[in-house]
Amino acid sequence: MLNSSFAFAANPALVSRPPLGPRDPAQYLVVTPAGSADWTHDPAAATTFASMAEAMRAAIRLPASLRAFGLPRGGELMGLDLLN
């Protein structure tokens, strides 16, 4: 069985929220140096969190109306068989 705290520890992640409308792109969290949250449409400009756990922690601290979630920075988790 996969130890999730180990498997996701070394994978950089970001925080995203779904599009606000059918023609809108997804938005990604940018944490400013002052600590406030802002959003960008460019995932390359988004704040990178050290792990998926840290990204999820940041996402759940946002207001519930934003429905944000953690997302692996590299797209897919390569080389992990998450189903076994």
C-alpha atoms as a PDB file:
ATOM      1  CA  MET A   1       0.000   0.000   0.000  1.00  0.00           C
ATOM      2  CA  LEU A   2       1.155   3.523  -0.746  1.00  0.00           C
ATOM      3  CA  ASN A   3       2.130   5.761   2.160  1.00  0.00           C
ATOM      4  CA  SER A   4       0.503   9.009   0.994  1.00  0.00           C
ATOM      5  CA  SER A   5       2.463  11.303   3.319  1.00  0.00           C
ATOM      6  CA  PHE A   6       5.709   9.984   1.807  1.00  0.00           C
ATOM      7  CA  ALA A   7       4.553   9.850  -1.822  1.00  0.00           C
ATOM      8  CA  PHE A   8       3.359  13.455  -1.982  1.00  0.00           C
ATOM      9  CA  ALA A   9       6.082  15.001   0.202  1.00  0.00           C
ATOM     10  CA  ALA A  10       8.546  15.763  -2.590  1.00  0.00           C
ATOM     11  CA  ASN A  11       6.047  16.866  -5.229  1.00  0.00           C
ATOM     12  CA  PRO A  12       5.683  20.631  -5.663  1.00  0.00           C
ATOM     13  CA  ALA A  13       2.084  21.780  -5.943  1.00  0.00           C
ATOM     14  CA  LEU A  14      -0.041  24.852  -6.429  1.00  0.00           C
ATOM     15  CA  VAL A  15      -3.545  25.920  -5.458  1.00  0.00           C
ATOM     16  CA  SER A  16      -6.192  26.291  -8.136  1.00  0.00           C
ATOM     17  CA  ARG A  17      -9.864  27.125  -8.299  1.00  0.00           C
ATOM     18  CA  PRO A  18     -12.258  26.137 -11.061  1.00  0.00           C
ATOM     19  CA  PRO A  19     -13.310  28.583 -13.759  1.00  0.00           C
ATOM     20  CA  LEU A  20     -15.962  31.055 -12.635  1.00  0.00           C
ATOM     21  CA  GLY A  21     -17.878  30.627 -15.885  1.00  0.00           C
ATOM     22  CA  PRO A  22     -17.891  28.371 -18.951  1.00  0.00           C
ATOM     23  CA  ARG A  23     -15.544  30.643 -20.916  1.00  0.00           C
ATOM     24  CA  ASP A  24     -13.241  31.563 -18.036  1.00  0.00           C
ATOM     25  CA  PRO A  25      -9.869  29.852 -17.499  1.00  0.00           C
ATOM     26  CA  ALA A  26      -8.904  28.284 -14.186  1.00  0.00           C
ATOM     27  CA  GLN A  27      -7.215  30.557 -11.662  1.00  0.00           C
ATOM     28  CA  TYR A  28      -4.134  29.882  -9.544  1.00  0.00           C
ATOM     29  CA  LEU A  29      -3.211  31.252  -6.131  1.00  0.00           C
ATOM     30  CA  VAL A  30      -0.461  33.812  -5.735  1.00  0.00           C
ATOM     31  CA  VAL A  31       0.561  34.586  -2.167  1.00  0.00           C
ATOM     32  CA  THR A  32       2.009  38.092  -2.011  1.00  0.00           C
ATOM     33  CA  PRO A  33       5.039  38.946   0.152  1.00  0.00           C
ATOM     34  CA  ALA A  34       2.622  40.621   2.579  1.00  0.00           C
ATOM     35  CA  GLY A  35       0.757  37.309   2.905  1.00  0.00           C
ATOM     36  CA  SER A  36      -2.438  38.211   1.087  1.00  0.00           C
ATOM     37  CA  ALA A  37      -3.998  36.015  -1.579  1.00  0.00           C
ATOM     38  CA  ASP A  38      -4.384  37.022  -5.199  1.00  0.00           C
ATOM     39  CA  TRP A  39      -5.293  35.013  -8.309  1.00  0.00           C
ATOM     40  CA  THR A  40      -3.672  34.650 -11.726  1.00  0.00           C
ATOM     41  CA  HIS A  41      -4.615  32.797 -14.905  1.00  0.00           C
ATOM     42  CA  ASP A  42      -0.944  31.839 -15.465  1.00  0.00           C
ATOM     43  CA  PRO A  43       0.091  28.676 -13.576  1.00  0.00           C
ATOM     44  CA  ALA A  44       3.763  29.631 -14.073  1.00  0.00           C
ATOM     45  CA  ALA A  45       3.180  32.792 -11.999  1.00  0.00           C
ATOM     46  CA  ALA A  46       1.379  30.930  -9.197  1.00  0.00           C
ATOM     47  CA  THR A  47       2.925  30.329  -5.790  1.00  0.00           C
ATOM     48  CA  THR A  48       4.613  26.937  -5.626  1.00  0.00           C
ATOM     49  CA  PHE A  49       4.101  24.980  -2.411  1.00  0.00           C
ATOM     50  CA  ALA A  50       6.698  22.411  -1.336  1.00  0.00           C
ATOM     51  CA  SER A  51       4.179  19.567  -1.212  1.00  0.00           C
ATOM     52  CA  MET A  52       0.628  18.630  -2.040  1.00  0.00           C
ATOM     53  CA  ALA A  53      -0.138  18.652   1.684  1.00  0.00           C
ATOM     54  CA  GLU A  54       0.958  22.297   1.985  1.00  0.00           C
ATOM     55  CA  ALA A  55      -1.089  23.261  -1.088  1.00  0.00           C
ATOM     56  CA  MET A  56      -4.175  21.532   0.302  1.00  0.00           C
ATOM     57  CA  ARG A  57      -3.649  23.225   3.669  1.00  0.00           C
ATOM     58  CA  ALA A  58      -3.549  26.629   1.928  1.00  0.00           C
ATOM     59  CA  ALA A  59      -6.639  25.752  -0.135  1.00  0.00           C
ATOM     60  CA  ILE A  60      -8.775  24.790   2.855  1.00  0.00           C
ATOM     61  CA  ARG A  61      -7.868  28.009   4.653  1.00  0.00           C
ATOM     62  CA  LEU A  62      -9.496  30.051   1.886  1.00  0.00           C
ATOM     63  CA  PRO A  63     -13.206  30.943   2.058  1.00  0.00           C
ATOM     64  CA  ALA A  64     -15.448  28.003   1.162  1.00  0.00           C
ATOM     65  CA  SER A  65     -17.043  29.955  -1.673  1.00  0.00           C
ATOM     66  CA  LEU A  66     -13.752  29.782  -3.614  1.00  0.00           C
ATOM     67  CA  ARG A  67     -13.714  25.948  -3.764  1.00  0.00           C
ATOM     68  CA  ALA A  68      -9.942  25.854  -4.209  1.00  0.00           C
ATOM     69  CA  PHE A  69      -7.899  22.658  -4.297  1.00  0.00           C
ATOM     70  CA  GLY A  70      -4.296  21.476  -4.488  1.00  0.00           C
ATOM     71  CA  LEU A  71      -2.838  20.498  -7.853  1.00  0.00           C
ATOM     72  CA  PRO A  72       0.553  18.879  -8.610  1.00  0.00           C
ATOM     73  CA  ARG A  73       2.881  21.475 -10.134  1.00  0.00           C
ATOM     74  CA  GLY A  74       4.247  19.062 -12.725  1.00  0.00           C
ATOM     75  CA  GLY A  75       0.867  17.878 -13.965  1.00  0.00           C
ATOM     76  CA  GLU A  76       0.906  14.173 -13.217  1.00  0.00           C
ATOM     77  CA  LEU A  77       2.508  12.132 -10.492  1.00  0.00           C
ATOM     78  CA  MET A  78       4.838  10.019 -12.592  1.00  0.00           C
ATOM     79  CA  GLY A  79       5.941   6.568 -11.569  1.00  0.00           C
ATOM     80  CA  LEU A  80       3.412   6.049  -8.783  1.00  0.00           C
ATOM     81  CA  ASP A  81       0.837   3.306  -8.940  1.00  0.00           C
ATOM     82  CA  LEU A  82      -1.855   4.912  -6.786  1.00  0.00           C
ATOM     83  CA  LEU A  83      -4.379   2.153  -7.320  1.00  0.00           C
ATOM     84  CA  ASN A  84      -2.420  -0.662  -5.652  1.00  0.00           C
END
